[in-house]
Amino acid sequence: MWFLLALLLLMILALPSWWVARILQQHSLPRPDFPGTGGDMARHLLQLHGLADVQVESTSSGDHYDPSARTVRLTADKLDGRSLTAVVVAAHEVGHAIQHARGEMLFHARTGLAWLAIWLQRLAPAAVLIAPLLLTVMPAASRLAIGLAVVAMLTGLLVHLLTLPVELDASFNKALPMLADGDYLQEQDMQYARRILQAAAFTYVAASLANLLNVWQWFRMLRR
């Protein structure tokens, strides 16, 4: 019984990431009919929306928009690639730049909370290490240390929960309309673009589930 539950949990956590990778890979083949790369698309859309001062750069740490540097960062295969995945991902990251420029509340709330979560998660490992040492001599301090770790995980969970609507908005209220209104893609490619954006959102669902499991385990420790 426990084995089946563990297997089910593993599938819930692993399948979204596998599916996302599969969808992105399916549409990563070069498209000679595309007039430009993902980087070209990003620059064009930024210019179109009055954000010419936002930079577009290469990165090795995953596609993202950096609000502190006002920079869209794309991996080399997206920046220089002429594929449907490259174009759609570039449009999605430009969607985040538009959220930032418009001062959208959820985007800024998620950005601020993510900064707090990073600092809390730096303290959490130290709290986890000292908690057992304090258990016999200072039980209250031990519980406080474990509580800090739980707060860090809860903050991380909240970041993931806020991230999902922010990502969905960047995809379906920003990127997809931009691609449709500009007639950049054929009708069949637009259908595939929607699938790419839907798949990407599931990565945050999986991350939220994993974080929720960690929080539940720590709450069990606190109740002992």
C-alpha atoms as a PDB file:
ATOM      1  CA  MET A   1       0.000   0.000   0.000  1.00  0.00           C
ATOM      2  CA  TRP A   2       2.742   2.464   1.004  1.00  0.00           C
ATOM      3  CA  PHE A   3       4.721   1.473  -2.086  1.00  0.00           C
ATOM      4  CA  LEU A   4       1.757   2.319  -4.344  1.00  0.00           C
ATOM      5  CA  LEU A   5       1.252   5.672  -2.589  1.00  0.00           C
ATOM      6  CA  ALA A   6       4.962   6.482  -2.953  1.00  0.00           C
ATOM      7  CA  LEU A   7       4.843   5.507  -6.646  1.00  0.00           C
ATOM      8  CA  LEU A   8       1.759   7.671  -7.191  1.00  0.00           C
ATOM      9  CA  LEU A   9       3.432  10.619  -5.466  1.00  0.00           C
ATOM     10  CA  LEU A  10       6.565  10.174  -7.583  1.00  0.00           C
ATOM     11  CA  MET A  11       4.452  10.163 -10.750  1.00  0.00           C
ATOM     12  CA  ILE A  12       2.589  13.326  -9.677  1.00  0.00           C
ATOM     13  CA  LEU A  13       5.888  15.108  -9.056  1.00  0.00           C
ATOM     14  CA  ALA A  14       7.836  13.778 -12.052  1.00  0.00           C
ATOM     15  CA  LEU A  15       5.277  13.569 -14.865  1.00  0.00           C
ATOM     16  CA  PRO A  16       4.694  17.345 -15.315  1.00  0.00           C
ATOM     17  CA  SER A  17       8.443  17.982 -15.745  1.00  0.00           C
ATOM     18  CA  TRP A  18       8.734  15.067 -18.198  1.00  0.00           C
ATOM     19  CA  TRP A  19       5.730  16.310 -20.157  1.00  0.00           C
ATOM     20  CA  VAL A  20       7.082  19.871 -20.328  1.00  0.00           C
ATOM     21  CA  ALA A  21      10.478  18.666 -21.579  1.00  0.00           C
ATOM     22  CA  ARG A  22       8.767  16.502 -24.195  1.00  0.00           C
ATOM     23  CA  ILE A  23       6.528  19.313 -25.485  1.00  0.00           C
ATOM     24  CA  LEU A  24       9.420  21.797 -25.693  1.00  0.00           C
ATOM     25  CA  GLN A  25      11.618  19.244 -27.450  1.00  0.00           C
ATOM     26  CA  GLN A  26       8.889  18.409 -29.978  1.00  0.00           C
ATOM     27  CA  HIS A  27       8.848  21.984 -31.219  1.00  0.00           C
ATOM     28  CA  SER A  28      12.569  22.761 -30.965  1.00  0.00           C
ATOM     29  CA  LEU A  29      13.417  21.737 -34.535  1.00  0.00           C
ATOM     30  CA  PRO A  30      14.769  24.546 -36.769  1.00  0.00           C
ATOM     31  CA  ARG A  31      12.144  26.267 -38.891  1.00  0.00           C
ATOM     32  CA  PRO A  32      13.674  27.714 -42.057  1.00  0.00           C
ATOM     33  CA  ASP A  33      10.380  29.509 -42.755  1.00  0.00           C
ATOM     34  CA  PHE A  34      10.779  31.679 -39.630  1.00  0.00           C
ATOM     35  CA  PRO A  35      12.268  35.100 -40.457  1.00  0.00           C
ATOM     36  CA  GLY A  36      14.108  35.440 -37.148  1.00  0.00           C
ATOM     37  CA  THR A  37      15.324  33.815 -33.943  1.00  0.00           C
ATOM     38  CA  GLY A  38      13.836  33.839 -30.467  1.00  0.00           C
ATOM     39  CA  GLY A  39      16.150  36.734 -29.634  1.00  0.00           C
ATOM     40  CA  ASP A  40      14.915  38.653 -32.672  1.00  0.00           C
ATOM     41  CA  MET A  41      11.313  38.072 -31.600  1.00  0.00           C
ATOM     42  CA  ALA A  42      12.034  39.299 -28.067  1.00  0.00           C
ATOM     43  CA  ARG A  43      13.695  42.488 -29.312  1.00  0.00           C
ATOM     44  CA  HIS A  44      10.909  43.132 -31.809  1.00  0.00           C
ATOM     45  CA  LEU A  45       8.136  42.729 -29.218  1.00  0.00           C
ATOM     46  CA  LEU A  46       9.970  44.883 -26.681  1.00  0.00           C
ATOM     47  CA  GLN A  47      10.375  47.629 -29.281  1.00  0.00           C
ATOM     48  CA  LEU A  48       6.713  47.302 -30.245  1.00  0.00           C
ATOM     49  CA  HIS A  49       5.610  47.836 -26.638  1.00  0.00           C
ATOM     50  CA  GLY A  50       7.897  50.789 -25.941  1.00  0.00           C
ATOM     51  CA  LEU A  51      10.423  48.749 -23.947  1.00  0.00           C
ATOM     52  CA  ALA A  52      13.471  49.217 -26.157  1.00  0.00           C
ATOM     53  CA  ASP A  53      15.582  49.878 -23.045  1.00  0.00           C
ATOM     54  CA  VAL A  54      14.999  46.301 -21.831  1.00  0.00           C
ATOM     55  CA  GLN A  55      18.018  44.187 -22.785  1.00  0.00           C
ATOM     56  CA  VAL A  56      18.028  40.691 -24.303  1.00  0.00           C
ATOM     57  CA  GLU A  57      20.910  38.450 -23.245  1.00  0.00           C
ATOM     58  CA  SER A  58      22.076  34.853 -23.309  1.00  0.00           C
ATOM     59  CA  THR A  59      22.020  32.782 -20.117  1.00  0.00           C
ATOM     60  CA  SER A  60      22.902  29.287 -18.949  1.00  0.00           C
ATOM     61  CA  SER A  61      20.550  29.337 -15.951  1.00  0.00           C
ATOM     62  CA  GLY A  62      17.173  28.980 -17.661  1.00  0.00           C
ATOM     63  CA  ASP A  63      14.933  31.386 -19.548  1.00  0.00           C
ATOM     64  CA  HIS A  64      13.704  34.252 -17.353  1.00  0.00           C
ATOM     65  CA  TYR A  65      13.106  37.972 -17.057  1.00  0.00           C
ATOM     66  CA  ASP A  66      15.301  39.752 -14.506  1.00  0.00           C
ATOM     67  CA  PRO A  67      13.374  42.792 -13.175  1.00  0.00           C
ATOM     68  CA  SER A  68      16.362  44.179 -11.250  1.00  0.00           C
ATOM     69  CA  ALA A  69      18.453  44.363 -14.448  1.00  0.00           C
ATOM     70  CA  ARG A  70      15.451  44.876 -16.750  1.00  0.00           C
ATOM     71  CA  THR A  71      16.752  42.081 -18.955  1.00  0.00           C
ATOM     72  CA  VAL A  72      15.144  39.196 -20.818  1.00  0.00           C
ATOM     73  CA  ARG A  73      17.519  36.243 -20.571  1.00  0.00           C
ATOM     74  CA  LEU A  74      17.216  33.276 -22.936  1.00  0.00           C
ATOM     75  CA  THR A  75      19.256  30.088 -23.220  1.00  0.00           C
ATOM     76  CA  ALA A  76      21.372  29.841 -26.377  1.00  0.00           C
ATOM     77  CA  ASP A  77      18.930  27.497 -28.142  1.00  0.00           C
ATOM     78  CA  LYS A  78      16.135  30.056 -27.650  1.00  0.00           C
ATOM     79  CA  LEU A  79      18.179  33.216 -28.234  1.00  0.00           C
ATOM     80  CA  ASP A  80      19.749  32.002 -31.486  1.00  0.00           C
ATOM     81  CA  GLY A  81      17.261  29.301 -32.463  1.00  0.00           C
ATOM     82  CA  ARG A  82      14.665  29.591 -35.224  1.00  0.00           C
ATOM     83  CA  SER A  83      12.160  27.197 -33.706  1.00  0.00           C
ATOM     84  CA  LEU A  84       8.591  27.446 -32.470  1.00  0.00           C
ATOM     85  CA  THR A  85       9.747  26.828 -28.901  1.00  0.00           C
ATOM     86  CA  ALA A  86      12.312  29.639 -29.169  1.00  0.00           C
ATOM     87  CA  VAL A  87       9.782  32.149 -30.480  1.00  0.00           C
ATOM     88  CA  VAL A  88       7.038  31.246 -27.979  1.00  0.00           C
ATOM     89  CA  VAL A  89       9.359  31.231 -24.952  1.00  0.00           C
ATOM     90  CA  ALA A  90      10.795  34.603 -26.025  1.00  0.00           C
ATOM     91  CA  ALA A  91       7.288  36.063 -26.249  1.00  0.00           C
ATOM     92  CA  HIS A  92       6.482  34.651 -22.804  1.00  0.00           C
ATOM     93  CA  GLU A  93       9.512  36.323 -21.195  1.00  0.00           C
ATOM     94  CA  VAL A  94       8.617  39.606 -22.882  1.00  0.00           C
ATOM     95  CA  GLY A  95       5.219  39.153 -21.229  1.00  0.00           C
ATOM     96  CA  HIS A  96       6.977  39.374 -17.854  1.00  0.00           C
ATOM     97  CA  ALA A  97       8.762  42.560 -18.937  1.00  0.00           C
ATOM     98  CA  ILE A  98       5.359  44.039 -19.787  1.00  0.00           C
ATOM     99  CA  GLN A  99       3.998  43.014 -16.359  1.00  0.00           C
ATOM    100  CA  HIS A 100       6.935  44.797 -14.747  1.00  0.00           C
ATOM    101  CA  ALA A 101       6.571  47.937 -16.866  1.00  0.00           C
ATOM    102  CA  ARG A 102       2.850  48.159 -16.070  1.00  0.00           C
ATOM    103  CA  GLY A 103       3.450  47.715 -12.354  1.00  0.00           C
ATOM    104  CA  GLU A 104       1.105  44.745 -12.129  1.00  0.00           C
ATOM    105  CA  MET A 105       0.435  43.832  -8.498  1.00  0.00           C
ATOM    106  CA  LEU A 106       0.877  40.044  -8.645  1.00  0.00           C
ATOM    107  CA  PHE A 107       4.171  40.337 -10.513  1.00  0.00           C
ATOM    108  CA  HIS A 108       5.625  42.734  -7.931  1.00  0.00           C
ATOM    109  CA  ALA A 109       4.225  40.725  -4.995  1.00  0.00           C
ATOM    110  CA  ARG A 110       5.789  37.557  -6.375  1.00  0.00           C
ATOM    111  CA  THR A 111       9.141  39.287  -6.993  1.00  0.00           C
ATOM    112  CA  GLY A 112       9.307  40.712  -3.456  1.00  0.00           C
ATOM    113  CA  LEU A 113       8.256  37.444  -1.843  1.00  0.00           C
ATOM    114  CA  ALA A 114      10.789  35.506  -3.920  1.00  0.00           C
ATOM    115  CA  TRP A 115      13.560  37.772  -2.575  1.00  0.00           C
ATOM    116  CA  LEU A 116      12.406  37.060   1.013  1.00  0.00           C
ATOM    117  CA  ALA A 117      12.183  33.326   0.298  1.00  0.00           C
ATOM    118  CA  ILE A 118      15.785  33.247  -0.962  1.00  0.00           C
ATOM    119  CA  TRP A 119      17.064  34.738   2.305  1.00  0.00           C
ATOM    120  CA  LEU A 120      14.901  32.488   4.472  1.00  0.00           C
ATOM    121  CA  GLN A 121      16.020  29.400   2.565  1.00  0.00           C
ATOM    122  CA  ARG A 122      19.646  30.370   3.173  1.00  0.00           C
ATOM    123  CA  LEU A 123      18.966  30.352   6.919  1.00  0.00           C
ATOM    124  CA  ALA A 124      16.812  27.208   6.906  1.00  0.00           C
ATOM    125  CA  PRO A 125      19.658  24.633   6.438  1.00  0.00           C
ATOM    126  CA  ALA A 126      21.509  26.048   9.447  1.00  0.00           C
ATOM    127  CA  ALA A 127      18.292  25.902  11.483  1.00  0.00           C
ATOM    128  CA  VAL A 128      17.772  22.271  10.472  1.00  0.00           C
ATOM    129  CA  LEU A 129      21.337  21.379  11.513  1.00  0.00           C
ATOM    130  CA  ILE A 130      21.203  22.967  14.953  1.00  0.00           C
ATOM    131  CA  ALA A 131      17.659  21.846  15.830  1.00  0.00           C
ATOM    132  CA  PRO A 132      18.667  18.291  16.915  1.00  0.00           C
ATOM    133  CA  LEU A 133      21.613  19.678  18.934  1.00  0.00           C
ATOM    134  CA  LEU A 134      19.297  21.985  20.869  1.00  0.00           C
ATOM    135  CA  LEU A 135      16.590  19.379  21.424  1.00  0.00           C
ATOM    136  CA  THR A 136      17.895  18.031  24.738  1.00  0.00           C
ATOM    137  CA  VAL A 137      19.286  21.251  26.246  1.00  0.00           C
ATOM    138  CA  MET A 138      16.908  23.885  24.848  1.00  0.00           C
ATOM    139  CA  PRO A 139      13.731  22.254  23.482  1.00  0.00           C
ATOM    140  CA  ALA A 140      12.042  25.616  22.897  1.00  0.00           C
ATOM    141  CA  ALA A 141      14.979  26.879  20.830  1.00  0.00           C
ATOM    142  CA  SER A 142      14.965  23.614  18.877  1.00  0.00           C
ATOM    143  CA  ARG A 143      11.301  24.105  18.022  1.00  0.00           C
ATOM    144  CA  LEU A 144      12.033  27.701  17.035  1.00  0.00           C
ATOM    145  CA  ALA A 145      14.758  26.528  14.646  1.00  0.00           C
ATOM    146  CA  ILE A 146      12.427  23.963  13.077  1.00  0.00           C
ATOM    147  CA  GLY A 147       9.744  26.651  12.908  1.00  0.00           C
ATOM    148  CA  LEU A 148      12.123  28.877  10.930  1.00  0.00           C
ATOM    149  CA  ALA A 149      12.636  26.049   8.439  1.00  0.00           C
ATOM    150  CA  VAL A 150       8.860  25.615   8.117  1.00  0.00           C
ATOM    151  CA  VAL A 151       8.370  29.372   7.573  1.00  0.00           C
ATOM    152  CA  ALA A 152      11.021  29.263   4.837  1.00  0.00           C
ATOM    153  CA  MET A 153       9.208  26.385   3.134  1.00  0.00           C
ATOM    154  CA  LEU A 154       5.801  28.046   3.536  1.00  0.00           C
ATOM    155  CA  THR A 155       7.220  31.202   1.966  1.00  0.00           C
ATOM    156  CA  GLY A 156       8.594  29.112  -0.899  1.00  0.00           C
ATOM    157  CA  LEU A 157       5.180  27.477  -1.312  1.00  0.00           C
ATOM    158  CA  LEU A 158       3.492  30.884  -1.408  1.00  0.00           C
ATOM    159  CA  VAL A 159       5.990  32.015  -4.056  1.00  0.00           C
ATOM    160  CA  HIS A 160       5.020  29.018  -6.202  1.00  0.00           C
ATOM    161  CA  LEU A 161       1.302  29.696  -5.697  1.00  0.00           C
ATOM    162  CA  LEU A 162       1.781  33.339  -6.729  1.00  0.00           C
ATOM    163  CA  THR A 163       4.036  32.331  -9.617  1.00  0.00           C
ATOM    164  CA  LEU A 164       1.367  30.227 -11.328  1.00  0.00           C
ATOM    165  CA  PRO A 165      -1.103  33.097 -12.050  1.00  0.00           C
ATOM    166  CA  VAL A 166       1.827  35.374 -12.980  1.00  0.00           C
ATOM    167  CA  GLU A 167       3.075  32.775 -15.484  1.00  0.00           C
ATOM    168  CA  LEU A 168      -0.415  32.123 -16.852  1.00  0.00           C
ATOM    169  CA  ASP A 169      -0.932  35.850 -17.362  1.00  0.00           C
ATOM    170  CA  ALA A 170       2.424  36.237 -19.142  1.00  0.00           C
ATOM    171  CA  SER A 171       1.502  33.315 -21.384  1.00  0.00           C
ATOM    172  CA  PHE A 172      -2.182  33.739 -22.179  1.00  0.00           C
ATOM    173  CA  ASN A 173      -2.866  37.443 -21.580  1.00  0.00           C
ATOM    174  CA  LYS A 174       0.429  38.700 -22.985  1.00  0.00           C
ATOM    175  CA  ALA A 175       2.409  36.271 -25.197  1.00  0.00           C
ATOM    176  CA  LEU A 176      -0.441  34.498 -26.991  1.00  0.00           C
ATOM    177  CA  PRO A 177      -2.322  37.709 -27.942  1.00  0.00           C
ATOM    178  CA  MET A 178       0.943  39.315 -29.118  1.00  0.00           C
ATOM    179  CA  LEU A 179       1.682  36.331 -31.348  1.00  0.00           C
ATOM    180  CA  ALA A 180      -1.900  36.222 -32.669  1.00  0.00           C
ATOM    181  CA  ASP A 181      -2.276  39.965 -33.266  1.00  0.00           C
ATOM    182  CA  GLY A 182       1.010  40.175 -35.136  1.00  0.00           C
ATOM    183  CA  ASP A 183       0.198  37.207 -37.399  1.00  0.00           C
ATOM    184  CA  TYR A 184       3.678  35.867 -36.715  1.00  0.00           C
ATOM    185  CA  LEU A 185       2.560  32.228 -36.730  1.00  0.00           C
ATOM    186  CA  GLN A 186       0.317  30.103 -38.881  1.00  0.00           C
ATOM    187  CA  GLU A 187      -2.923  28.760 -37.390  1.00  0.00           C
ATOM    188  CA  GLN A 188      -1.457  25.306 -36.715  1.00  0.00           C
ATOM    189  CA  ASP A 189       1.596  26.833 -35.050  1.00  0.00           C
ATOM    190  CA  MET A 190      -0.670  28.933 -32.819  1.00  0.00           C
ATOM    191  CA  GLN A 191      -2.287  25.740 -31.547  1.00  0.00           C
ATOM    192  CA  TYR A 192       1.134  24.304 -30.781  1.00  0.00           C
ATOM    193  CA  ALA A 193       2.151  27.584 -29.128  1.00  0.00           C
ATOM    194  CA  ARG A 194      -0.790  27.243 -26.725  1.00  0.00           C
ATOM    195  CA  ARG A 195       0.360  23.716 -25.855  1.00  0.00           C
ATOM    196  CA  ILE A 196       3.904  24.940 -25.174  1.00  0.00           C
ATOM    197  CA  LEU A 197       2.611  27.646 -22.832  1.00  0.00           C
ATOM    198  CA  GLN A 198       0.230  25.250 -21.068  1.00  0.00           C
ATOM    199  CA  ALA A 199       3.033  22.748 -20.544  1.00  0.00           C
ATOM    200  CA  ALA A 200       5.336  25.380 -19.070  1.00  0.00           C
ATOM    201  CA  ALA A 201       2.743  26.305 -16.424  1.00  0.00           C
ATOM    202  CA  PHE A 202       2.702  22.735 -15.109  1.00  0.00           C
ATOM    203  CA  THR A 203       6.297  23.010 -13.907  1.00  0.00           C
ATOM    204  CA  TYR A 204       5.047  25.355 -11.177  1.00  0.00           C
ATOM    205  CA  VAL A 205       2.257  22.954 -10.225  1.00  0.00           C
ATOM    206  CA  ALA A 206       4.837  20.203  -9.696  1.00  0.00           C
ATOM    207  CA  ALA A 207       7.122  22.528  -7.727  1.00  0.00           C
ATOM    208  CA  SER A 208       4.207  23.567  -5.487  1.00  0.00           C
ATOM    209  CA  LEU A 209       3.303  19.936  -4.795  1.00  0.00           C
ATOM    210  CA  ALA A 210       6.904  19.100  -3.863  1.00  0.00           C
ATOM    211  CA  ASN A 211       7.113  22.123  -1.574  1.00  0.00           C
ATOM    212  CA  LEU A 212       3.787  21.253   0.070  1.00  0.00           C
ATOM    213  CA  LEU A 213       5.089  17.746   0.819  1.00  0.00           C
ATOM    214  CA  ASN A 214       8.184  19.194   2.524  1.00  0.00           C
ATOM    215  CA  VAL A 215       6.057  21.540   4.649  1.00  0.00           C
ATOM    216  CA  TRP A 216       3.796  18.662   5.727  1.00  0.00           C
ATOM    217  CA  GLN A 217       6.831  16.615   6.806  1.00  0.00           C
ATOM    218  CA  TRP A 218       8.153  19.497   8.936  1.00  0.00           C
ATOM    219  CA  PHE A 219       4.764  20.078  10.538  1.00  0.00           C
ATOM    220  CA  ARG A 220       4.776  16.427  11.587  1.00  0.00           C
ATOM    221  CA  MET A 221       8.153  16.974  13.258  1.00  0.00           C
ATOM    222  CA  LEU A 222       6.845  20.033  15.114  1.00  0.00           C
ATOM    223  CA  ARG A 223       3.915  18.073  16.507  1.00  0.00           C
ATOM    224  CA  ARG A 224       6.148  15.415  18.082  1.00  0.00           C
END
